[in-house]
Amino acid sequence: QVQLVESGGGLVQAGGSLRLSCAASGLTVGSYAMGWFRQAPGKEREFVATIRRGTYYADSVKGRFTISRDNAKNTVYLQMNSLQPEDTALYYCAARLSWDSFYYTPKNYDYWGQGTQVTVSS
């Protein structure tokens, strides 16, 4: 049984940083494409970043966010710097076994966590 458990969200002022964690069980993060998505109230879920053999980012977070993984801990991280109010959302961890160019599409992911809330105040 696959479980993805996110943690590390919270309230931070604009310009601050947070590091999100996604602890996986039932799968090996090194063998999956692991992604982060986010969803703000009234908006669709959007791609943030993914890691497989390489890393890929949404333009809106490029240069500010970094995705990484620790295979020994079976955990994926999202380091978020220079946070802005528009980054406020529920952040989800996701995993997919297959890989193609549609890594930014939520429906292509097989497993999801419950999400962790990130709120950035101005």
N, C-alpha and C. Protein backbone atom coordinates (compact mmCIF):
# COMPACT_ATOMS: atom_id res chain seq x y z
N GLN A 1 0.85 -1.19 0.00
CA GLN A 1 0.00 0.00 0.00
C GLN A 1 0.88 1.24 0.00
N VAL A 2 0.65 2.10 -0.98
CA VAL A 2 1.47 3.30 -1.12
C VAL A 2 0.91 4.42 -0.26
N GLN A 3 1.81 5.07 0.46
CA GLN A 3 1.45 6.27 1.22
C GLN A 3 2.47 7.35 0.97
N LEU A 4 1.98 8.55 0.76
CA LEU A 4 2.82 9.74 0.65
C LEU A 4 2.34 10.72 1.72
N VAL A 5 3.24 11.11 2.60
CA VAL A 5 2.86 11.98 3.72
C VAL A 5 3.69 13.25 3.65
N GLU A 6 3.01 14.35 3.41
CA GLU A 6 3.68 15.65 3.35
C GLU A 6 3.75 16.30 4.72
N SER A 7 4.77 17.10 4.91
CA SER A 7 4.92 17.89 6.13
C SER A 7 5.77 19.11 5.82
N GLY A 8 5.80 20.05 6.75
CA GLY A 8 6.67 21.21 6.61
C GLY A 8 5.97 22.49 6.22
N GLY A 9 4.68 22.41 5.94
CA GLY A 9 3.96 23.63 5.59
C GLY A 9 3.78 24.54 6.80
N GLY A 10 3.30 25.73 6.56
CA GLY A 10 3.07 26.67 7.65
C GLY A 10 2.84 28.08 7.14
N LEU A 11 2.90 29.01 8.08
CA LEU A 11 2.71 30.43 7.77
C LEU A 11 4.07 31.12 7.77
N VAL A 12 4.36 31.86 6.73
CA VAL A 12 5.64 32.53 6.60
C VAL A 12 5.42 33.91 5.97
N GLN A 13 6.28 34.84 6.29
CA GLN A 13 6.19 36.16 5.68
C GLN A 13 6.79 36.15 4.29
N ALA A 14 6.35 37.07 3.46
CA ALA A 14 6.91 37.20 2.12
C ALA A 14 8.42 37.37 2.20
N GLY A 15 9.11 36.66 1.33
CA GLY A 15 10.56 36.66 1.34
C GLY A 15 11.18 35.54 2.16
N GLY A 16 10.35 34.85 2.92
CA GLY A 16 10.83 33.77 3.77
C GLY A 16 10.98 32.46 3.03
N SER A 17 11.32 31.42 3.80
CA SER A 17 11.59 30.10 3.23
C SER A 17 10.87 29.02 4.02
N LEU A 18 10.57 27.94 3.35
CA LEU A 18 10.05 26.73 3.96
C LEU A 18 10.63 25.53 3.22
N ARG A 19 10.73 24.41 3.92
CA ARG A 19 11.10 23.17 3.26
C ARG A 19 10.02 22.14 3.50
N LEU A 20 9.42 21.68 2.43
CA LEU A 20 8.42 20.64 2.51
C LEU A 20 9.08 19.28 2.37
N SER A 21 8.52 18.31 3.06
CA SER A 21 8.99 16.93 2.97
C SER A 21 7.84 16.03 2.54
N CYS A 22 8.18 14.97 1.82
CA CYS A 22 7.21 13.96 1.41
C CYS A 22 7.82 12.60 1.72
N ALA A 23 7.35 11.99 2.78
CA ALA A 23 7.84 10.67 3.17
C ALA A 23 7.01 9.61 2.49
N ALA A 24 7.68 8.72 1.77
CA ALA A 24 6.99 7.70 1.00
C ALA A 24 7.13 6.33 1.64
N SER A 25 6.07 5.54 1.52
CA SER A 25 6.11 4.13 1.90
C SER A 25 5.34 3.35 0.84
N GLY A 26 5.77 2.12 0.63
CA GLY A 26 5.12 1.30 -0.39
C GLY A 26 5.65 1.51 -1.79
N LEU A 27 6.57 2.43 -1.96
CA LEU A 27 7.26 2.62 -3.22
C LEU A 27 8.64 3.20 -2.93
N THR A 28 9.50 3.13 -3.92
CA THR A 28 10.86 3.64 -3.79
C THR A 28 10.97 4.93 -4.58
N VAL A 29 11.25 6.02 -3.92
CA VAL A 29 11.22 7.33 -4.59
C VAL A 29 12.24 7.40 -5.72
N GLY A 30 13.32 6.64 -5.62
CA GLY A 30 14.32 6.65 -6.68
C GLY A 30 13.85 5.98 -7.96
N SER A 31 12.78 5.21 -7.88
CA SER A 31 12.28 4.47 -9.05
C SER A 31 11.06 5.12 -9.67
N TYR A 32 10.58 6.20 -9.06
CA TYR A 32 9.39 6.90 -9.53
C TYR A 32 9.75 8.33 -9.90
N ALA A 33 8.92 8.90 -10.73
CA ALA A 33 8.95 10.34 -10.89
C ALA A 33 8.15 10.93 -9.74
N MET A 34 8.79 11.76 -8.94
CA MET A 34 8.16 12.36 -7.77
C MET A 34 7.91 13.84 -8.05
N GLY A 35 6.68 14.25 -7.82
CA GLY A 35 6.33 15.63 -8.16
C GLY A 35 5.70 16.37 -7.00
N TRP A 36 5.75 17.68 -7.10
CA TRP A 36 5.02 18.57 -6.20
C TRP A 36 4.04 19.39 -7.04
N PHE A 37 2.83 19.45 -6.54
CA PHE A 37 1.78 20.26 -7.15
C PHE A 37 1.21 21.16 -6.07
N ARG A 38 0.46 22.17 -6.48
CA ARG A 38 -0.20 23.02 -5.50
C ARG A 38 -1.56 23.45 -6.03
N GLN A 39 -2.44 23.76 -5.09
CA GLN A 39 -3.78 24.19 -5.44
C GLN A 39 -4.23 25.29 -4.50
N ALA A 40 -4.50 26.45 -5.07
CA ALA A 40 -5.02 27.57 -4.31
C ALA A 40 -6.55 27.54 -4.38
N PRO A 41 -7.22 28.15 -3.41
CA PRO A 41 -8.68 28.16 -3.41
C PRO A 41 -9.25 28.71 -4.71
N GLY A 42 -10.18 27.97 -5.31
CA GLY A 42 -10.82 28.42 -6.53
C GLY A 42 -10.00 28.23 -7.79
N LYS A 43 -8.84 27.60 -7.65
CA LYS A 43 -7.98 27.40 -8.83
C LYS A 43 -7.73 25.92 -9.04
N GLU A 44 -7.28 25.59 -10.24
CA GLU A 44 -6.95 24.21 -10.54
C GLU A 44 -5.60 23.84 -9.93
N ARG A 45 -5.43 22.55 -9.74
CA ARG A 45 -4.14 22.06 -9.25
C ARG A 45 -3.10 22.30 -10.33
N GLU A 46 -1.96 22.84 -9.90
CA GLU A 46 -0.92 23.17 -10.88
C GLU A 46 0.42 22.54 -10.52
N PHE A 47 1.17 22.27 -11.56
CA PHE A 47 2.49 21.68 -11.42
C PHE A 47 3.45 22.67 -10.80
N VAL A 48 4.32 22.16 -9.91
CA VAL A 48 5.37 22.97 -9.30
C VAL A 48 6.75 22.46 -9.72
N ALA A 49 7.00 21.17 -9.47
CA ALA A 49 8.31 20.61 -9.77
C ALA A 49 8.21 19.09 -9.78
N THR A 50 9.16 18.48 -10.49
CA THR A 50 9.25 17.03 -10.48
C THR A 50 10.69 16.60 -10.60
N ILE A 51 10.97 15.40 -10.10
CA ILE A 51 12.32 14.86 -10.16
C ILE A 51 12.24 13.41 -10.61
N ARG A 52 13.08 13.12 -11.59
CA ARG A 52 13.22 11.73 -12.03
C ARG A 52 14.72 11.53 -12.21
N ARG A 53 15.19 11.43 -13.43
CA ARG A 53 16.64 11.47 -13.62
C ARG A 53 17.14 12.91 -13.54
N GLY A 54 16.30 13.84 -13.93
CA GLY A 54 16.59 15.26 -13.83
C GLY A 54 15.50 15.96 -13.04
N THR A 55 15.60 17.27 -12.99
CA THR A 55 14.58 18.06 -12.29
C THR A 55 13.92 19.02 -13.27
N TYR A 56 12.65 19.28 -13.02
CA TYR A 56 11.86 20.14 -13.90
C TYR A 56 11.00 21.04 -13.02
N TYR A 57 10.86 22.29 -13.45
CA TYR A 57 10.16 23.27 -12.63
C TYR A 57 9.16 24.07 -13.46
N ALA A 58 8.11 24.51 -12.78
CA ALA A 58 7.22 25.50 -13.39
C ALA A 58 7.98 26.82 -13.49
N ASP A 59 7.68 27.59 -14.51
CA ASP A 59 8.36 28.86 -14.71
C ASP A 59 8.18 29.78 -13.49
N SER A 60 7.03 29.68 -12.85
CA SER A 60 6.72 30.58 -11.74
C SER A 60 7.59 30.33 -10.50
N VAL A 61 8.23 29.18 -10.42
CA VAL A 61 9.04 28.88 -9.23
C VAL A 61 10.51 28.68 -9.56
N LYS A 62 10.84 28.68 -10.84
CA LYS A 62 12.22 28.43 -11.26
C LYS A 62 13.15 29.47 -10.64
N GLY A 63 14.23 29.00 -10.06
CA GLY A 63 15.18 29.89 -9.42
C GLY A 63 14.88 30.16 -7.95
N ARG A 64 13.68 29.80 -7.50
CA ARG A 64 13.31 30.00 -6.09
C ARG A 64 13.10 28.68 -5.35
N PHE A 65 12.58 27.68 -6.04
CA PHE A 65 12.29 26.38 -5.43
C PHE A 65 13.29 25.35 -5.93
N THR A 66 13.59 24.39 -5.07
CA THR A 66 14.47 23.29 -5.44
C THR A 66 13.88 21.98 -4.96
N ILE A 67 13.73 21.03 -5.88
CA ILE A 67 13.25 19.70 -5.52
C ILE A 67 14.45 18.78 -5.40
N SER A 68 14.40 17.89 -4.41
CA SER A 68 15.49 16.94 -4.21
C SER A 68 14.92 15.69 -3.56
N ARG A 69 15.72 14.65 -3.50
CA ARG A 69 15.27 13.42 -2.84
C ARG A 69 16.43 12.79 -2.08
N ASP A 70 16.07 12.08 -1.03
CA ASP A 70 17.02 11.32 -0.24
C ASP A 70 16.58 9.86 -0.34
N ASN A 71 17.28 9.10 -1.17
CA ASN A 71 16.87 7.71 -1.39
C ASN A 71 16.97 6.88 -0.11
N ALA A 72 17.94 7.18 0.73
CA ALA A 72 18.11 6.42 1.97
C ALA A 72 16.92 6.63 2.91
N LYS A 73 16.36 7.83 2.89
CA LYS A 73 15.20 8.13 3.74
C LYS A 73 13.89 7.94 2.99
N ASN A 74 13.99 7.63 1.70
CA ASN A 74 12.81 7.48 0.86
C ASN A 74 11.89 8.70 0.96
N THR A 75 12.50 9.84 0.86
CA THR A 75 11.81 11.11 1.07
C THR A 75 12.19 12.10 -0.03
N VAL A 76 11.20 12.89 -0.42
CA VAL A 76 11.40 13.95 -1.40
C VAL A 76 11.18 15.29 -0.71
N TYR A 77 11.94 16.29 -1.11
CA TYR A 77 11.87 17.60 -0.48
C TYR A 77 11.56 18.68 -1.52
N LEU A 78 10.99 19.76 -1.02
CA LEU A 78 10.83 20.95 -1.84
C LEU A 78 11.29 22.13 -0.99
N GLN A 79 12.46 22.65 -1.31
CA GLN A 79 12.97 23.84 -0.64
C GLN A 79 12.42 25.06 -1.36
N MET A 80 11.72 25.89 -0.61
CA MET A 80 11.07 27.06 -1.19
C MET A 80 11.65 28.32 -0.58
N ASN A 81 12.28 29.11 -1.40
CA ASN A 81 12.89 30.38 -0.97
C ASN A 81 12.18 31.55 -1.62
N SER A 82 12.40 32.72 -1.07
CA SER A 82 11.80 33.95 -1.62
C SER A 82 10.30 33.79 -1.85
N LEU A 83 9.63 33.25 -0.86
CA LEU A 83 8.20 32.99 -1.00
C LEU A 83 7.41 34.28 -1.14
N GLN A 84 6.37 34.20 -1.94
CA GLN A 84 5.51 35.34 -2.21
C GLN A 84 4.06 34.97 -1.90
N PRO A 85 3.20 35.95 -1.65
CA PRO A 85 1.79 35.63 -1.34
C PRO A 85 1.14 34.74 -2.40
N GLU A 86 1.54 34.88 -3.64
CA GLU A 86 0.94 34.05 -4.70
C GLU A 86 1.36 32.59 -4.63
N ASP A 87 2.30 32.28 -3.75
CA ASP A 87 2.69 30.88 -3.52
C ASP A 87 1.77 30.20 -2.51
N THR A 88 0.87 30.95 -1.92
CA THR A 88 -0.06 30.39 -0.94
C THR A 88 -0.95 29.35 -1.61
N ALA A 89 -0.95 28.14 -1.05
CA ALA A 89 -1.71 27.04 -1.63
C ALA A 89 -1.56 25.81 -0.73
N LEU A 90 -2.35 24.80 -1.07
CA LEU A 90 -2.17 23.48 -0.49
C LEU A 90 -1.20 22.74 -1.41
N TYR A 91 -0.10 22.27 -0.85
CA TYR A 91 0.94 21.62 -1.64
C TYR A 91 0.83 20.11 -1.50
N TYR A 92 0.83 19.44 -2.66
CA TYR A 92 0.68 18.00 -2.71
C TYR A 92 1.94 17.33 -3.26
N CYS A 93 2.26 16.20 -2.72
CA CYS A 93 3.29 15.32 -3.25
C CYS A 93 2.60 14.25 -4.10
N ALA A 94 3.24 13.88 -5.21
CA ALA A 94 2.65 12.88 -6.10
C ALA A 94 3.74 12.00 -6.68
N ALA A 95 3.35 10.82 -7.14
CA ALA A 95 4.31 9.86 -7.70
C ALA A 95 3.72 9.20 -8.93
N ARG A 96 4.57 8.98 -9.92
CA ARG A 96 4.16 8.23 -11.10
C ARG A 96 5.27 7.29 -11.51
N LEU A 97 4.91 6.09 -11.93
CA LEU A 97 5.91 5.10 -12.31
C LEU A 97 6.41 5.35 -13.72
N SER A 98 5.52 5.74 -14.62
CA SER A 98 5.93 5.95 -16.00
C SER A 98 6.52 7.34 -16.16
N TRP A 99 7.16 7.56 -17.32
CA TRP A 99 7.77 8.87 -17.57
C TRP A 99 7.55 9.27 -19.03
N ASP A 100 7.08 10.46 -19.24
CA ASP A 100 7.01 11.03 -20.57
C ASP A 100 7.05 12.55 -20.42
N SER A 101 6.82 13.23 -21.47
CA SER A 101 6.95 14.69 -21.44
C SER A 101 5.80 15.38 -20.73
N PHE A 102 4.77 14.63 -20.36
CA PHE A 102 3.60 15.23 -19.71
C PHE A 102 3.71 15.13 -18.19
N TYR A 103 4.88 15.44 -17.68
CA TYR A 103 5.12 15.34 -16.25
C TYR A 103 4.41 16.44 -15.47
N TYR A 104 3.90 17.45 -16.18
CA TYR A 104 3.24 18.58 -15.53
C TYR A 104 1.73 18.39 -15.38
N THR A 105 1.22 17.27 -15.85
CA THR A 105 -0.21 17.01 -15.84
C THR A 105 -0.59 16.17 -14.63
N PRO A 106 -1.44 16.70 -13.74
CA PRO A 106 -1.79 15.96 -12.53
C PRO A 106 -2.38 14.57 -12.79
N LYS A 107 -3.19 14.43 -13.83
CA LYS A 107 -3.87 13.15 -14.06
C LYS A 107 -2.89 12.04 -14.42
N ASN A 108 -1.66 12.38 -14.76
CA ASN A 108 -0.68 11.37 -15.11
C ASN A 108 0.03 10.78 -13.90
N TYR A 109 -0.30 11.26 -12.71
CA TYR A 109 0.33 10.75 -11.50
C TYR A 109 -0.55 9.70 -10.85
N ASP A 110 0.09 8.67 -10.32
CA ASP A 110 -0.61 7.49 -9.82
C ASP A 110 -0.99 7.61 -8.35
N TYR A 111 -0.17 8.29 -7.58
CA TYR A 111 -0.38 8.34 -6.13
C TYR A 111 -0.24 9.78 -5.65
N TRP A 112 -1.03 10.11 -4.61
CA TRP A 112 -1.06 11.46 -4.07
C TRP A 112 -1.06 11.43 -2.55
N GLY A 113 -0.43 12.45 -1.98
CA GLY A 113 -0.55 12.66 -0.56
C GLY A 113 -1.76 13.52 -0.24
N GLN A 114 -1.92 13.82 1.04
CA GLN A 114 -3.09 14.58 1.50
C GLN A 114 -2.86 16.09 1.43
N GLY A 115 -1.63 16.50 1.31
CA GLY A 115 -1.33 17.92 1.17
C GLY A 115 -0.89 18.57 2.46
N THR A 116 -0.13 19.64 2.32
CA THR A 116 0.29 20.47 3.44
C THR A 116 0.11 21.93 3.05
N GLN A 117 -0.45 22.71 3.95
CA GLN A 117 -0.81 24.10 3.63
C GLN A 117 0.38 25.02 3.77
N VAL A 118 0.58 25.85 2.77
CA VAL A 118 1.59 26.91 2.81
C VAL A 118 0.86 28.24 2.66
N THR A 119 1.07 29.12 3.63
CA THR A 119 0.46 30.43 3.60
C THR A 119 1.55 31.49 3.72
N VAL A 120 1.60 32.40 2.74
CA VAL A 120 2.61 33.45 2.72
C VAL A 120 1.90 34.79 2.91
N SER A 121 2.26 35.48 3.98
CA SER A 121 1.64 36.78 4.27
C SER A 121 2.48 37.91 3.68
N SER A 122 1.81 38.97 3.29
CA SER A 122 2.51 40.11 2.67
C SER A 122 2.94 41.12 3.71
